[in-house]
């Protein structure tokens, strides 16, 4: 039930976007630097 707080992400988070097949080289692979939660959702 820990409430997520805005700020730098606590855990390493890698995002892959732009490729529907994760084995291809399309799109980008990058990390998350910070998170901004919607309080109550």
ModelCIF file with pLDDT and N, C-alpha, C, O atoms, coordinates in Angstrom:
data_MODEL
#
_entry.id   MODEL 
#
_entity.id                         1 
_entity.type                       polymer 
_entity.pdbx_number_of_molecules   1 
#
_entity_poly.entity_id                      1 
_entity_poly.type                           'polypeptide(L)' 
_entity_poly.nstd_linkage                   no 
_entity_poly.nstd_monomer                   no 
_entity_poly.pdbx_seq_one_letter_code       
;(UNK)(UNK)(UNK)(UNK)(UNK)(UNK)(UNK)(UNK)(UNK)(UNK)(UNK)(UNK)(UNK)(UNK)(UNK)(UNK)
(UNK)(UNK)(UNK)(UNK)(UNK)(UNK)(UNK)(UNK)(UNK)(UNK)(UNK)(UNK)(UNK)(UNK)(UNK)(UNK)
(UNK)(UNK)(UNK)(UNK)(UNK)(UNK)(UNK)(UNK)(UNK)
;
_entity_poly.pdbx_seq_one_letter_code_can   XXXXXXXXXXXXXXXXXXXXXXXXXXXXXXXXXXXXXXXXX 
_entity_poly.pdbx_strand_id                 A 
#
loop_
_entity_poly_seq.entity_id 
_entity_poly_seq.num 
_entity_poly_seq.mon_id 
_entity_poly_seq.hetero 
1 1  UNK n 
1 2  UNK n 
1 3  UNK n 
1 4  UNK n 
1 5  UNK n 
1 6  UNK n 
1 7  UNK n 
1 8  UNK n 
1 9  UNK n 
1 10 UNK n 
1 11 UNK n 
1 12 UNK n 
1 13 UNK n 
1 14 UNK n 
1 15 UNK n 
1 16 UNK n 
1 17 UNK n 
1 18 UNK n 
1 19 UNK n 
1 20 UNK n 
1 21 UNK n 
1 22 UNK n 
1 23 UNK n 
1 24 UNK n 
1 25 UNK n 
1 26 UNK n 
1 27 UNK n 
1 28 UNK n 
1 29 UNK n 
1 30 UNK n 
1 31 UNK n 
1 32 UNK n 
1 33 UNK n 
1 34 UNK n 
1 35 UNK n 
1 36 UNK n 
1 37 UNK n 
1 38 UNK n 
1 39 UNK n 
1 40 UNK n 
1 41 UNK n 
#
_struct_asym.id          A 
_struct_asym.entity_id   1 
#
loop_
_ma_qa_metric.id 
_ma_qa_metric.mode 
_ma_qa_metric.name 
_ma_qa_metric.software_group_id 
_ma_qa_metric.type 
1 global pLDDT . pLDDT 
2 local  pLDDT . pLDDT 
#
_ma_qa_metric_global.metric_id      1 
_ma_qa_metric_global.metric_value   84.71 
_ma_qa_metric_global.model_id       1 
_ma_qa_metric_global.ordinal_id     1 
#
loop_
_ma_qa_metric_local.label_asym_id 
_ma_qa_metric_local.label_comp_id 
_ma_qa_metric_local.label_seq_id 
_ma_qa_metric_local.metric_id 
_ma_qa_metric_local.metric_value 
_ma_qa_metric_local.model_id 
_ma_qa_metric_local.ordinal_id 
A UNK 1  2 40.00 1 1  
A UNK 2  2 56.00 1 2  
A UNK 3  2 66.00 1 3  
A UNK 4  2 74.00 1 4  
A UNK 5  2 75.00 1 5  
A UNK 6  2 72.00 1 6  
A UNK 7  2 70.00 1 7  
A UNK 8  2 74.00 1 8  
A UNK 9  2 80.00 1 9  
A UNK 10 2 80.00 1 10 
A UNK 11 2 86.00 1 11 
A UNK 12 2 90.00 1 12 
A UNK 13 2 93.00 1 13 
A UNK 14 2 94.00 1 14 
A UNK 15 2 96.00 1 15 
A UNK 16 2 95.00 1 16 
A UNK 17 2 96.00 1 17 
A UNK 18 2 94.00 1 18 
A UNK 19 2 91.00 1 19 
A UNK 20 2 88.00 1 20 
A UNK 21 2 88.00 1 21 
A UNK 22 2 89.00 1 22 
A UNK 23 2 87.00 1 23 
A UNK 24 2 85.00 1 24 
A UNK 25 2 82.00 1 25 
A UNK 26 2 85.00 1 26 
A UNK 27 2 92.00 1 27 
A UNK 28 2 93.00 1 28 
A UNK 29 2 95.00 1 29 
A UNK 30 2 95.00 1 30 
A UNK 31 2 93.00 1 31 
A UNK 32 2 93.00 1 32 
A UNK 33 2 86.00 1 33 
A UNK 34 2 85.00 1 34 
A UNK 35 2 88.00 1 35 
A UNK 36 2 87.00 1 36 
A UNK 37 2 89.00 1 37 
A UNK 38 2 89.00 1 38 
A UNK 39 2 85.00 1 39 
A UNK 40 2 86.00 1 40 
A UNK 41 2 91.00 1 41 
#
loop_
_atom_site.group_PDB 
_atom_site.id 
_atom_site.type_symbol 
_atom_site.label_atom_id 
_atom_site.label_alt_id 
_atom_site.label_comp_id 
_atom_site.label_asym_id 
_atom_site.label_entity_id 
_atom_site.label_seq_id 
_atom_site.pdbx_PDB_ins_code 
_atom_site.Cartn_x 
_atom_site.Cartn_y 
_atom_site.Cartn_z 
_atom_site.occupancy 
_atom_site.B_iso_or_equiv 
_atom_site.pdbx_formal_charge 
_atom_site.auth_seq_id 
_atom_site.auth_comp_id 
_atom_site.auth_asym_id 
_atom_site.auth_atom_id 
_atom_site.pdbx_PDB_model_num 
ATOM 1   N N  . UNK A 1 1  ? 0.810  -1.207 0.000   1.00 40.00 ? 1  UNK A N  1 
ATOM 2   C CA . UNK A 1 1  ? 0.000  0.000  0.000   1.00 40.00 ? 1  UNK A CA 1 
ATOM 3   C C  . UNK A 1 1  ? 0.849  1.264  0.000   1.00 40.00 ? 1  UNK A C  1 
ATOM 4   O O  . UNK A 1 1  ? 0.323  2.358  0.206   1.00 40.00 ? 1  UNK A O  1 
ATOM 5   N N  . UNK A 1 2  ? 2.167  1.131  -0.230  1.00 56.00 ? 2  UNK A N  1 
ATOM 6   C CA . UNK A 1 2  ? 3.048  2.293  -0.210  1.00 56.00 ? 2  UNK A CA 1 
ATOM 7   C C  . UNK A 1 2  ? 2.610  3.301  -1.257  1.00 56.00 ? 2  UNK A C  1 
ATOM 8   O O  . UNK A 1 2  ? 2.386  2.944  -2.414  1.00 56.00 ? 2  UNK A O  1 
ATOM 9   N N  . UNK A 1 3  ? 2.489  4.553  -0.858  1.00 66.00 ? 3  UNK A N  1 
ATOM 10  C CA . UNK A 1 3  ? 2.096  5.619  -1.781  1.00 66.00 ? 3  UNK A CA 1 
ATOM 11  C C  . UNK A 1 3  ? 3.318  6.093  -2.559  1.00 66.00 ? 3  UNK A C  1 
ATOM 12  O O  . UNK A 1 3  ? 4.340  6.447  -1.971  1.00 66.00 ? 3  UNK A O  1 
ATOM 13  N N  . UNK A 1 4  ? 3.206  6.099  -3.866  1.00 74.00 ? 4  UNK A N  1 
ATOM 14  C CA . UNK A 1 4  ? 4.303  6.548  -4.714  1.00 74.00 ? 4  UNK A CA 1 
ATOM 15  C C  . UNK A 1 4  ? 4.410  8.064  -4.636  1.00 74.00 ? 4  UNK A C  1 
ATOM 16  O O  . UNK A 1 4  ? 3.399  8.763  -4.705  1.00 74.00 ? 4  UNK A O  1 
ATOM 17  N N  . UNK A 1 5  ? 5.626  8.575  -4.491  1.00 75.00 ? 5  UNK A N  1 
ATOM 18  C CA . UNK A 1 5  ? 5.848  10.007 -4.405  1.00 75.00 ? 5  UNK A CA 1 
ATOM 19  C C  . UNK A 1 5  ? 6.540  10.513 -5.662  1.00 75.00 ? 5  UNK A C  1 
ATOM 20  O O  . UNK A 1 5  ? 7.309  9.790  -6.295  1.00 75.00 ? 5  UNK A O  1 
ATOM 21  N N  . UNK A 1 6  ? 6.260  11.759 -6.015  1.00 72.00 ? 6  UNK A N  1 
ATOM 22  C CA . UNK A 1 6  ? 6.912  12.368 -7.163  1.00 72.00 ? 6  UNK A CA 1 
ATOM 23  C C  . UNK A 1 6  ? 8.393  12.534 -6.882  1.00 72.00 ? 6  UNK A C  1 
ATOM 24  O O  . UNK A 1 6  ? 8.793  12.862 -5.765  1.00 72.00 ? 6  UNK A O  1 
ATOM 25  N N  . UNK A 1 7  ? 9.199  12.304 -7.903  1.00 70.00 ? 7  UNK A N  1 
ATOM 26  C CA . UNK A 1 7  ? 10.635 12.495 -7.748  1.00 70.00 ? 7  UNK A CA 1 
ATOM 27  C C  . UNK A 1 7  ? 11.402 11.450 -8.526  1.00 70.00 ? 7  UNK A C  1 
ATOM 28  O O  . UNK A 1 7  ? 10.821 10.712 -9.321  1.00 70.00 ? 7  UNK A O  1 
ATOM 29  N N  . UNK A 1 8  ? 12.715 11.382 -8.301  1.00 74.00 ? 8  UNK A N  1 
ATOM 30  C CA . UNK A 1 8  ? 13.535 10.378 -8.984  1.00 74.00 ? 8  UNK A CA 1 
ATOM 31  C C  . UNK A 1 8  ? 13.021 8.981  -8.696  1.00 74.00 ? 8  UNK A C  1 
ATOM 32  O O  . UNK A 1 8  ? 12.613 8.681  -7.574  1.00 74.00 ? 8  UNK A O  1 
ATOM 33  N N  . UNK A 1 9  ? 13.040 8.131  -9.702  1.00 80.00 ? 9  UNK A N  1 
ATOM 34  C CA . UNK A 1 9  ? 12.541 6.780  -9.520  1.00 80.00 ? 9  UNK A CA 1 
ATOM 35  C C  . UNK A 1 9  ? 13.488 6.002  -8.618  1.00 80.00 ? 9  UNK A C  1 
ATOM 36  O O  . UNK A 1 9  ? 14.707 6.080  -8.774  1.00 80.00 ? 9  UNK A O  1 
ATOM 37  N N  . UNK A 1 10 ? 12.924 5.246  -7.667  1.00 80.00 ? 10 UNK A N  1 
ATOM 38  C CA . UNK A 1 10 ? 13.730 4.565  -6.658  1.00 80.00 ? 10 UNK A CA 1 
ATOM 39  C C  . UNK A 1 10 ? 14.445 3.340  -7.216  1.00 80.00 ? 10 UNK A C  1 
ATOM 40  O O  . UNK A 1 10 ? 15.546 3.006  -6.780  1.00 80.00 ? 10 UNK A O  1 
ATOM 41  N N  . UNK A 1 11 ? 13.820 2.673  -8.178  1.00 86.00 ? 11 UNK A N  1 
ATOM 42  C CA . UNK A 1 11 ? 14.400 1.465  -8.741  1.00 86.00 ? 11 UNK A CA 1 
ATOM 43  C C  . UNK A 1 11 ? 14.746 1.686  -10.209 1.00 86.00 ? 11 UNK A C  1 
ATOM 44  O O  . UNK A 1 11 ? 14.077 2.451  -10.903 1.00 86.00 ? 11 UNK A O  1 
ATOM 45  N N  . UNK A 1 12 ? 15.766 1.032  -10.664 1.00 90.00 ? 12 UNK A N  1 
ATOM 46  C CA . UNK A 1 12 ? 16.126 1.125  -12.071 1.00 90.00 ? 12 UNK A CA 1 
ATOM 47  C C  . UNK A 1 12 ? 14.939 0.668  -12.915 1.00 90.00 ? 12 UNK A C  1 
ATOM 48  O O  . UNK A 1 12 ? 14.402 -0.420 -12.710 1.00 90.00 ? 12 UNK A O  1 
ATOM 49  N N  . UNK A 1 13 ? 14.540 1.501  -13.853 1.00 93.00 ? 13 UNK A N  1 
ATOM 50  C CA . UNK A 1 13 ? 13.396 1.192  -14.706 1.00 93.00 ? 13 UNK A CA 1 
ATOM 51  C C  . UNK A 1 13 ? 13.794 1.405  -16.157 1.00 93.00 ? 13 UNK A C  1 
ATOM 52  O O  . UNK A 1 13 ? 14.133 2.518  -16.561 1.00 93.00 ? 13 UNK A O  1 
ATOM 53  N N  . UNK A 1 14 ? 13.751 0.339  -16.932 1.00 94.00 ? 14 UNK A N  1 
ATOM 54  C CA . UNK A 1 14 ? 14.118 0.388  -18.348 1.00 94.00 ? 14 UNK A CA 1 
ATOM 55  C C  . UNK A 1 14 ? 12.848 0.330  -19.184 1.00 94.00 ? 14 UNK A C  1 
ATOM 56  O O  . UNK A 1 14 ? 11.994 -0.530 -18.970 1.00 94.00 ? 14 UNK A O  1 
ATOM 57  N N  . UNK A 1 15 ? 12.726 1.245  -20.134 1.00 96.00 ? 15 UNK A N  1 
ATOM 58  C CA . UNK A 1 15 ? 11.557 1.325  -21.002 1.00 96.00 ? 15 UNK A CA 1 
ATOM 59  C C  . UNK A 1 15 ? 11.962 1.022  -22.438 1.00 96.00 ? 15 UNK A C  1 
ATOM 60  O O  . UNK A 1 15 ? 12.923 1.586  -22.961 1.00 96.00 ? 15 UNK A O  1 
ATOM 61  N N  . UNK A 1 16 ? 11.218 0.128  -23.062 1.00 95.00 ? 16 UNK A N  1 
ATOM 62  C CA . UNK A 1 16 ? 11.366 -0.137 -24.495 1.00 95.00 ? 16 UNK A CA 1 
ATOM 63  C C  . UNK A 1 16 ? 10.083 0.313  -25.167 1.00 95.00 ? 16 UNK A C  1 
ATOM 64  O O  . UNK A 1 16 ? 8.998  -0.124 -24.784 1.00 95.00 ? 16 UNK A O  1 
ATOM 65  N N  . UNK A 1 17 ? 10.189 1.176  -26.159 1.00 96.00 ? 17 UNK A N  1 
ATOM 66  C CA . UNK A 1 17 ? 9.000  1.671  -26.848 1.00 96.00 ? 17 UNK A CA 1 
ATOM 67  C C  . UNK A 1 17 ? 9.328  1.876  -28.321 1.00 96.00 ? 17 UNK A C  1 
ATOM 68  O O  . UNK A 1 17 ? 10.449 2.228  -28.688 1.00 96.00 ? 17 UNK A O  1 
ATOM 69  N N  . UNK A 1 18 ? 8.312  1.644  -29.158 1.00 94.00 ? 18 UNK A N  1 
ATOM 70  C CA . UNK A 1 18 ? 8.500  1.804  -30.593 1.00 94.00 ? 18 UNK A CA 1 
ATOM 71  C C  . UNK A 1 18 ? 8.739  0.511  -31.327 1.00 94.00 ? 18 UNK A C  1 
ATOM 72  O O  . UNK A 1 18 ? 8.911  0.513  -32.546 1.00 94.00 ? 18 UNK A O  1 
ATOM 73  N N  . UNK A 1 19 ? 8.754  -0.594 -30.607 1.00 91.00 ? 19 UNK A N  1 
ATOM 74  C CA . UNK A 1 19 ? 8.918  -1.897 -31.260 1.00 91.00 ? 19 UNK A CA 1 
ATOM 75  C C  . UNK A 1 19 ? 7.904  -2.877 -30.695 1.00 91.00 ? 19 UNK A C  1 
ATOM 76  O O  . UNK A 1 19 ? 7.842  -3.073 -29.482 1.00 91.00 ? 19 UNK A O  1 
ATOM 77  N N  . UNK A 1 20 ? 7.126  -3.482 -31.542 1.00 88.00 ? 20 UNK A N  1 
ATOM 78  C CA . UNK A 1 20 ? 6.136  -4.464 -31.098 1.00 88.00 ? 20 UNK A CA 1 
ATOM 79  C C  . UNK A 1 20 ? 6.716  -5.859 -30.968 1.00 88.00 ? 20 UNK A C  1 
ATOM 80  O O  . UNK A 1 20 ? 6.101  -6.744 -30.372 1.00 88.00 ? 20 UNK A O  1 
ATOM 81  N N  . UNK A 1 21 ? 7.901  -6.053 -31.528 1.00 88.00 ? 21 UNK A N  1 
ATOM 82  C CA . UNK A 1 21 ? 8.661  -7.284 -31.335 1.00 88.00 ? 21 UNK A CA 1 
ATOM 83  C C  . UNK A 1 21 ? 9.927  -6.898 -30.584 1.00 88.00 ? 21 UNK A C  1 
ATOM 84  O O  . UNK A 1 21 ? 10.777 -6.199 -31.135 1.00 88.00 ? 21 UNK A O  1 
ATOM 85  N N  . UNK A 1 22 ? 10.065 -7.329 -29.363 1.00 89.00 ? 22 UNK A N  1 
ATOM 86  C CA . UNK A 1 22 ? 11.158 -6.890 -28.509 1.00 89.00 ? 22 UNK A CA 1 
ATOM 87  C C  . UNK A 1 22 ? 12.511 -7.380 -28.981 1.00 89.00 ? 22 UNK A C  1 
ATOM 88  O O  . UNK A 1 22 ? 13.533 -6.915 -28.476 1.00 89.00 ? 22 UNK A O  1 
ATOM 89  N N  . UNK A 1 23 ? 12.559 -8.310 -29.939 1.00 87.00 ? 23 UNK A N  1 
ATOM 90  C CA . UNK A 1 23 ? 13.836 -8.823 -30.430 1.00 87.00 ? 23 UNK A CA 1 
ATOM 91  C C  . UNK A 1 23 ? 14.392 -7.978 -31.563 1.00 87.00 ? 23 UNK A C  1 
ATOM 92  O O  . UNK A 1 23 ? 15.522 -8.207 -31.996 1.00 87.00 ? 23 UNK A O  1 
ATOM 93  N N  . UNK A 1 24 ? 13.624 -6.999 -32.059 1.00 85.00 ? 24 UNK A N  1 
ATOM 94  C CA . UNK A 1 24 ? 14.107 -6.156 -33.153 1.00 85.00 ? 24 UNK A CA 1 
ATOM 95  C C  . UNK A 1 24 ? 14.848 -4.948 -32.597 1.00 85.00 ? 24 UNK A C  1 
ATOM 96  O O  . UNK A 1 24 ? 14.846 -4.700 -31.391 1.00 85.00 ? 24 UNK A O  1 
ATOM 97  N N  . UNK A 1 25 ? 15.480 -4.203 -33.493 1.00 82.00 ? 25 UNK A N  1 
ATOM 98  C CA . UNK A 1 25 ? 16.234 -3.030 -33.080 1.00 82.00 ? 25 UNK A CA 1 
ATOM 99  C C  . UNK A 1 25 ? 15.488 -1.737 -33.275 1.00 82.00 ? 25 UNK A C  1 
ATOM 100 O O  . UNK A 1 25 ? 16.079 -0.662 -33.179 1.00 82.00 ? 25 UNK A O  1 
ATOM 101 N N  . UNK A 1 26 ? 14.187 -1.818 -33.550 1.00 85.00 ? 26 UNK A N  1 
ATOM 102 C CA . UNK A 1 26 ? 13.421 -0.594 -33.771 1.00 85.00 ? 26 UNK A CA 1 
ATOM 103 C C  . UNK A 1 26 ? 13.148 0.122  -32.453 1.00 85.00 ? 26 UNK A C  1 
ATOM 104 O O  . UNK A 1 26 ? 13.368 -0.428 -31.374 1.00 85.00 ? 26 UNK A O  1 
ATOM 105 N N  . UNK A 1 27 ? 12.664 1.366  -32.561 1.00 92.00 ? 27 UNK A N  1 
ATOM 106 C CA . UNK A 1 27 ? 12.284 2.111  -31.371 1.00 92.00 ? 27 UNK A CA 1 
ATOM 107 C C  . UNK A 1 27 ? 13.487 2.498  -30.540 1.00 92.00 ? 27 UNK A C  1 
ATOM 108 O O  . UNK A 1 27 ? 14.605 2.595  -31.045 1.00 92.00 ? 27 UNK A O  1 
ATOM 109 N N  . UNK A 1 28 ? 13.245 2.719  -29.254 1.00 93.00 ? 28 UNK A N  1 
ATOM 110 C CA . UNK A 1 28 ? 14.333 3.098  -28.347 1.00 93.00 ? 28 UNK A CA 1 
ATOM 111 C C  . UNK A 1 28 ? 14.249 2.281  -27.062 1.00 93.00 ? 28 UNK A C  1 
ATOM 112 O O  . UNK A 1 28 ? 13.186 1.788  -26.687 1.00 93.00 ? 28 UNK A O  1 
ATOM 113 N N  . UNK A 1 29 ? 15.384 2.152  -26.405 1.00 95.00 ? 29 UNK A N  1 
ATOM 114 C CA . UNK A 1 29 ? 15.467 1.562  -25.073 1.00 95.00 ? 29 UNK A CA 1 
ATOM 115 C C  . UNK A 1 29 ? 16.135 2.613  -24.198 1.00 95.00 ? 29 UNK A C  1 
ATOM 116 O O  . UNK A 1 29 ? 17.255 3.036  -24.484 1.00 95.00 ? 29 UNK A O  1 
ATOM 117 N N  . UNK A 1 30 ? 15.468 3.033  -23.147 1.00 95.00 ? 30 UNK A N  1 
ATOM 118 C CA . UNK A 1 30 ? 15.998 4.085  -22.296 1.00 95.00 ? 30 UNK A CA 1 
ATOM 119 C C  . UNK A 1 30 ? 15.548 3.854  -20.864 1.00 95.00 ? 30 UNK A C  1 
ATOM 120 O O  . UNK A 1 30 ? 14.795 2.918  -20.590 1.00 95.00 ? 30 UNK A O  1 
ATOM 121 N N  . UNK A 1 31 ? 15.999 4.691  -19.957 1.00 93.00 ? 31 UNK A N  1 
ATOM 122 C CA . UNK A 1 31 ? 15.633 4.551  -18.555 1.00 93.00 ? 31 UNK A CA 1 
ATOM 123 C C  . UNK A 1 31 ? 14.662 5.645  -18.131 1.00 93.00 ? 31 UNK A C  1 
ATOM 124 O O  . UNK A 1 31 ? 14.541 6.677  -18.791 1.00 93.00 ? 31 UNK A O  1 
ATOM 125 N N  . UNK A 1 32 ? 13.981 5.406  -17.032 1.00 93.00 ? 32 UNK A N  1 
ATOM 126 C CA . UNK A 1 32 ? 13.098 6.397  -16.421 1.00 93.00 ? 32 UNK A CA 1 
ATOM 127 C C  . UNK A 1 32 ? 13.915 7.197  -15.413 1.00 93.00 ? 32 UNK A C  1 
ATOM 128 O O  . UNK A 1 32 ? 14.636 6.625  -14.596 1.00 93.00 ? 32 UNK A O  1 
ATOM 129 N N  . UNK A 1 33 ? 13.798 8.523  -15.473 1.00 86.00 ? 33 UNK A N  1 
ATOM 130 C CA . UNK A 1 33 ? 14.556 9.368  -14.557 1.00 86.00 ? 33 UNK A CA 1 
ATOM 131 C C  . UNK A 1 33 ? 13.728 9.858  -13.377 1.00 86.00 ? 33 UNK A C  1 
ATOM 132 O O  . UNK A 1 33 ? 14.269 10.091 -12.296 1.00 86.00 ? 33 UNK A O  1 
ATOM 133 N N  . UNK A 1 34 ? 12.422 10.017 -13.572 1.00 85.00 ? 34 UNK A N  1 
ATOM 134 C CA . UNK A 1 34 ? 11.564 10.462 -12.474 1.00 85.00 ? 34 UNK A CA 1 
ATOM 135 C C  . UNK A 1 34 ? 10.129 10.036 -12.727 1.00 85.00 ? 34 UNK A C  1 
ATOM 136 O O  . UNK A 1 34 ? 9.762  9.713  -13.857 1.00 85.00 ? 34 UNK A O  1 
ATOM 137 N N  . UNK A 1 35 ? 9.334  10.036 -11.695 1.00 88.00 ? 35 UNK A N  1 
ATOM 138 C CA . UNK A 1 35 ? 7.923  9.664  -11.805 1.00 88.00 ? 35 UNK A CA 1 
ATOM 139 C C  . UNK A 1 35 ? 7.064  10.744 -11.161 1.00 88.00 ? 35 UNK A C  1 
ATOM 140 O O  . UNK A 1 35 ? 7.460  11.385 -10.188 1.00 88.00 ? 35 UNK A O  1 
ATOM 141 N N  . UNK A 1 36 ? 5.870  10.927 -11.735 1.00 87.00 ? 36 UNK A N  1 
ATOM 142 C CA . UNK A 1 36 ? 4.898  11.877 -11.194 1.00 87.00 ? 36 UNK A CA 1 
ATOM 143 C C  . UNK A 1 36 ? 3.564  11.147 -11.089 1.00 87.00 ? 36 UNK A C  1 
ATOM 144 O O  . UNK A 1 36 ? 2.903  10.941 -12.106 1.00 87.00 ? 36 UNK A O  1 
ATOM 145 N N  . UNK A 1 37 ? 3.149  10.749 -9.880  1.00 89.00 ? 37 UNK A N  1 
ATOM 146 C CA . UNK A 1 37 ? 1.901  9.995  -9.721  1.00 89.00 ? 37 UNK A CA 1 
ATOM 147 C C  . UNK A 1 37 ? 0.682  10.904 -9.687  1.00 89.00 ? 37 UNK A C  1 
ATOM 148 O O  . UNK A 1 37 ? 0.774  12.083 -9.345  1.00 89.00 ? 37 UNK A O  1 
ATOM 149 N N  . UNK A 1 38 ? -0.442 10.341 -10.044 1.00 89.00 ? 38 UNK A N  1 
ATOM 150 C CA . UNK A 1 38 ? -1.739 11.012 -9.910  1.00 89.00 ? 38 UNK A CA 1 
ATOM 151 C C  . UNK A 1 38 ? -2.303 10.538 -8.569  1.00 89.00 ? 38 UNK A C  1 
ATOM 152 O O  . UNK A 1 38 ? -2.739 9.393  -8.451  1.00 89.00 ? 38 UNK A O  1 
ATOM 153 N N  . UNK A 1 39 ? -2.297 11.395 -7.581  1.00 85.00 ? 39 UNK A N  1 
ATOM 154 C CA . UNK A 1 39 ? -2.763 11.018 -6.247  1.00 85.00 ? 39 UNK A CA 1 
ATOM 155 C C  . UNK A 1 39 ? -4.250 10.673 -6.309  1.00 85.00 ? 39 UNK A C  1 
ATOM 156 O O  . UNK A 1 39 ? -5.067 11.494 -6.724  1.00 85.00 ? 39 UNK A O  1 
ATOM 157 N N  . UNK A 1 40 ? -4.589 9.470  -5.899  1.00 86.00 ? 40 UNK A N  1 
ATOM 158 C CA . UNK A 1 40 ? -5.979 9.034  -5.896  1.00 86.00 ? 40 UNK A CA 1 
ATOM 159 C C  . UNK A 1 40 ? -6.341 8.151  -7.071  1.00 86.00 ? 40 UNK A C  1 
ATOM 160 O O  . UNK A 1 40 ? -7.432 7.583  -7.103  1.00 86.00 ? 40 UNK A O  1 
ATOM 161 N N  . UNK A 1 41 ? -5.443 8.025  -8.039  1.00 91.00 ? 41 UNK A N  1 
ATOM 162 C CA . UNK A 1 41 ? -5.666 7.112  -9.164  1.00 91.00 ? 41 UNK A CA 1 
ATOM 163 C C  . UNK A 1 41 ? -4.403 6.274  -9.373  1.00 91.00 ? 41 UNK A C  1 
ATOM 164 O O  . UNK A 1 41 ? -4.362 5.433  -10.271 1.00 91.00 ? 41 UNK A O  1 
#
